[in-house]
Amino acid sequence: MKTILFFCFILVSGSIFSQPYFKPEDSLKQREYEKHNFETYFMPGLAYTLYMPRAKDSVGMFQGMAVEYLIFSQIHDNQNSGPSHVRVYAKLNMMKSTKKEMKDLFAYTLGLDLSLEKNPKREYLVPYFGLELGGFSQSQIGTLMHFTPILGIHIVSKKNLFVNIHGGYVYPVTSFDILQGYFLQAGLNFALW
């Protein structure tokens, strides 16, 4: 886990670029630059999640609301190599099964997503890929770790608002034959600062 966190830190810190110098009379250029190049920290959010395990006939499909905390995000629309959008987030999720005999599933996740484009010059429809690492806890299944590669799209990506849709495939470390399956999420992060 320390290796993964170190890798995330290197990825994020390696893509932070210094701002160019602006003369006082270039305030319009500076405002335009700041609109497309910024960093955001600790933004709260909510998401709807749907998890469809392979053995959905026996355990059902799980769905519910998640609380998502955007720990760090940066957007740099420029010609430098690397992704223009970077997000690191944590998520807590309580999901109910479609099978009445199954208890609620608690999921906790740390995620990283990176845009596929380096200079989109827009605040909407920016595709991204990423990885979520975390665990499931449920009385009948037990506690286990999982990782989920994801693909998604930032429907809106502004300094104080992110609206995202993504999906992926859950790879559990144990109970693989039962719990592997598709995962979908639609969410937003919003702040007044």
Protein backbone atom coordinates (compact mmCIF):
# COMPACT_ATOMS: atom_id res chain seq x y z
CA MET A 1 0.00 0.00 0.00
CA LYS A 2 2.90 2.35 0.78
CA THR A 3 4.29 1.71 -2.71
CA ILE A 4 0.96 2.60 -4.32
CA LEU A 5 0.62 5.80 -2.28
CA PHE A 6 4.21 6.73 -3.15
CA PHE A 7 3.45 6.13 -6.84
CA CYS A 8 0.35 8.36 -6.61
CA PHE A 9 2.40 11.09 -4.92
CA ILE A 10 5.09 10.95 -7.64
CA LEU A 11 2.45 11.09 -10.37
CA VAL A 12 0.70 14.09 -8.86
CA SER A 13 3.79 16.02 -7.80
CA GLY A 14 5.53 15.37 -11.11
CA SER A 15 2.70 16.99 -13.03
CA ILE A 16 2.56 20.25 -11.06
CA PHE A 17 3.83 23.01 -13.29
CA SER A 18 4.86 26.54 -12.37
CA GLN A 19 2.66 29.41 -13.48
CA PRO A 20 3.99 31.77 -16.13
CA TYR A 21 4.85 35.37 -15.27
CA PHE A 22 2.23 37.98 -16.23
CA LYS A 23 2.70 41.73 -16.44
CA PRO A 24 0.08 43.84 -14.62
CA GLU A 25 -1.48 44.90 -17.94
CA ASP A 26 -1.99 41.24 -18.87
CA SER A 27 -4.73 40.70 -16.28
CA LEU A 28 -7.13 39.30 -18.92
CA LYS A 29 -4.54 36.68 -19.92
CA GLN A 30 -3.92 35.88 -16.26
CA ARG A 31 -7.64 35.40 -15.57
CA GLU A 32 -7.96 33.13 -18.60
CA TYR A 33 -4.89 31.16 -17.48
CA GLU A 34 -6.25 30.76 -13.94
CA LYS A 35 -9.59 29.55 -15.33
CA HIS A 36 -7.86 26.60 -17.01
CA ASN A 37 -4.96 25.99 -14.58
CA PHE A 38 -5.68 25.43 -10.90
CA GLU A 39 -5.52 23.07 -7.94
CA THR A 40 -8.34 22.18 -5.54
CA TYR A 41 -8.20 20.45 -2.17
CA PHE A 42 -10.71 18.66 0.12
CA MET A 43 -13.95 19.04 -1.83
CA PRO A 44 -16.95 17.01 -0.55
CA GLY A 45 -19.20 15.02 -2.83
CA LEU A 46 -21.95 12.44 -3.29
CA ALA A 47 -22.33 9.60 -5.76
CA TYR A 48 -24.77 6.86 -6.75
CA THR A 49 -23.09 3.48 -7.20
CA LEU A 50 -24.15 0.17 -8.76
CA TYR A 51 -22.13 -3.01 -8.30
CA MET A 52 -23.03 -6.15 -10.28
CA PRO A 53 -21.08 -9.19 -9.02
CA ARG A 54 -20.68 -12.21 -11.26
CA ALA A 55 -22.75 -14.35 -8.84
CA LYS A 56 -25.64 -11.87 -8.77
CA ASP A 57 -28.12 -14.78 -8.78
CA SER A 58 -26.95 -15.75 -5.28
CA VAL A 59 -25.75 -12.43 -3.75
CA GLY A 60 -27.79 -9.97 -5.82
CA MET A 61 -26.77 -6.60 -7.26
CA PHE A 62 -25.69 -3.88 -4.83
CA GLN A 63 -26.60 -0.21 -5.09
CA GLY A 64 -26.46 2.82 -2.86
CA MET A 65 -25.13 6.28 -2.13
CA ALA A 66 -21.49 7.06 -1.51
CA VAL A 67 -19.81 9.97 0.25
CA GLU A 68 -16.78 11.00 -1.80
CA TYR A 69 -14.01 13.35 -0.66
CA LEU A 70 -11.90 14.88 -3.38
CA ILE A 71 -8.53 15.04 -1.61
CA PHE A 72 -6.62 16.74 -4.41
CA SER A 73 -7.36 17.80 -7.95
CA GLN A 74 -5.41 19.78 -10.49
CA ILE A 75 -6.16 20.94 -14.00
CA HIS A 76 -3.42 22.23 -16.27
CA ASP A 77 -4.50 22.90 -19.84
CA ASN A 78 -1.16 23.40 -21.56
CA GLN A 79 1.16 21.69 -24.01
CA ASN A 80 3.30 19.95 -21.35
CA SER A 81 3.33 16.18 -21.56
CA GLY A 82 1.11 14.21 -19.22
CA PRO A 83 -2.56 14.39 -18.26
CA SER A 84 -4.29 17.75 -17.94
CA HIS A 85 -6.69 16.54 -15.20
CA VAL A 86 -5.56 14.67 -12.08
CA ARG A 87 -7.84 13.69 -9.18
CA VAL A 88 -7.15 11.79 -5.94
CA TYR A 89 -10.20 10.91 -3.87
CA ALA A 90 -11.51 8.74 -1.04
CA LYS A 91 -14.97 7.19 -0.94
CA LEU A 92 -17.20 5.55 1.69
CA ASN A 93 -20.15 3.60 0.35
CA MET A 94 -23.07 1.67 1.87
CA MET A 95 -24.88 -0.51 -0.67
CA LYS A 96 -28.03 -2.62 -0.35
CA SER A 97 -28.49 -5.90 -2.19
CA THR A 98 -31.44 -6.75 -4.42
CA LYS A 99 -31.60 -10.04 -2.47
CA LYS A 100 -33.46 -9.48 0.81
CA GLU A 101 -31.48 -12.16 2.66
CA MET A 102 -28.16 -10.38 1.94
CA LYS A 103 -26.95 -7.78 4.45
CA ASP A 104 -25.67 -4.32 3.44
CA LEU A 105 -22.22 -4.10 1.86
CA PHE A 106 -19.81 -1.41 3.10
CA ALA A 107 -17.11 -0.32 0.64
CA TYR A 108 -14.15 1.99 1.28
CA THR A 109 -11.98 3.18 -1.56
CA LEU A 110 -8.98 5.35 -2.47
CA GLY A 111 -8.94 6.38 -6.13
CA LEU A 112 -6.79 8.12 -8.72
CA ASP A 113 -7.96 9.25 -12.14
CA LEU A 114 -6.03 10.91 -14.98
CA SER A 115 -7.38 12.51 -18.14
CA LEU A 116 -6.68 10.92 -21.51
CA GLU A 117 -6.02 14.34 -23.06
CA LYS A 118 -3.20 16.73 -22.24
CA ASN A 119 -4.77 20.01 -23.41
CA PRO A 120 -8.55 19.79 -23.92
CA LYS A 121 -9.19 23.56 -23.39
CA ARG A 122 -12.74 22.82 -22.26
CA GLU A 123 -14.56 22.32 -18.98
CA TYR A 124 -16.84 19.50 -20.11
CA LEU A 125 -16.73 15.97 -21.58
CA VAL A 126 -13.12 15.19 -20.67
CA PRO A 127 -12.45 11.41 -20.77
CA TYR A 128 -10.30 9.81 -18.05
CA PHE A 129 -8.95 6.50 -16.80
CA GLY A 130 -7.91 5.47 -13.32
CA LEU A 131 -7.67 2.93 -10.55
CA GLU A 132 -9.57 2.44 -7.30
CA LEU A 133 -8.14 0.41 -4.40
CA GLY A 134 -10.11 -0.50 -1.33
CA GLY A 135 -12.09 -3.07 0.55
CA PHE A 136 -15.50 -4.59 1.08
CA SER A 137 -16.96 -5.50 4.44
CA GLN A 138 -20.14 -7.52 4.87
CA SER A 139 -21.17 -10.02 7.55
CA GLN A 140 -21.92 -12.90 5.14
CA ILE A 141 -19.01 -12.34 2.75
CA GLY A 142 -16.45 -11.13 5.26
CA THR A 143 -13.82 -8.43 4.71
CA LEU A 144 -11.67 -8.40 1.59
CA MET A 145 -9.56 -6.09 -0.54
CA HIS A 146 -10.27 -5.23 -4.19
CA PHE A 147 -8.95 -3.10 -7.04
CA THR A 148 -10.97 -1.64 -9.89
CA PRO A 149 -9.56 -0.20 -13.14
CA ILE A 150 -11.97 2.50 -14.35
CA LEU A 151 -12.86 4.51 -17.46
CA GLY A 152 -15.01 7.61 -17.22
CA ILE A 153 -15.87 11.09 -18.34
CA HIS A 154 -15.84 14.43 -16.52
CA ILE A 155 -19.18 15.83 -17.64
CA VAL A 156 -18.18 19.11 -15.95
CA SER A 157 -14.75 19.92 -14.48
CA LYS A 158 -14.48 23.33 -12.84
CA LYS A 159 -12.57 24.61 -9.84
CA ASN A 160 -15.53 24.19 -7.47
CA LEU A 161 -17.62 21.59 -9.35
CA PHE A 162 -16.89 18.15 -10.77
CA VAL A 163 -19.64 15.97 -12.29
CA ASN A 164 -18.38 12.51 -13.27
CA ILE A 165 -19.59 9.20 -14.63
CA HIS A 166 -17.33 6.16 -14.63
CA GLY A 167 -17.41 2.41 -14.75
CA GLY A 168 -14.98 -0.39 -14.17
CA TYR A 169 -14.48 -4.04 -13.35
CA VAL A 170 -14.00 -5.08 -9.72
CA TYR A 171 -11.19 -7.56 -9.04
CA PRO A 172 -11.49 -8.90 -5.47
CA VAL A 173 -8.42 -10.45 -3.86
CA THR A 174 -10.51 -13.32 -2.40
CA SER A 175 -13.89 -14.81 -3.45
CA PHE A 176 -12.92 -13.94 -7.01
CA ASP A 177 -15.43 -16.27 -8.72
CA ILE A 178 -18.33 -14.79 -6.75
CA LEU A 179 -17.51 -11.09 -6.36
CA GLN A 180 -15.76 -10.06 -9.58
CA GLY A 181 -18.06 -7.87 -11.61
CA TYR A 182 -18.99 -4.54 -13.11
CA PHE A 183 -19.15 -1.28 -11.19
CA LEU A 184 -20.84 1.98 -12.27
CA GLN A 185 -20.88 5.37 -10.57
CA ALA A 186 -22.38 8.81 -11.21
CA GLY A 187 -21.35 11.57 -8.81
CA LEU A 188 -20.47 15.15 -8.13
CA ASN A 189 -18.09 17.12 -5.95
CA PHE A 190 -19.11 20.66 -5.04
CA ALA A 191 -17.79 23.47 -2.83
CA LEU A 192 -18.51 27.18 -2.39
CA TRP A 193 -14.86 28.17 -2.09
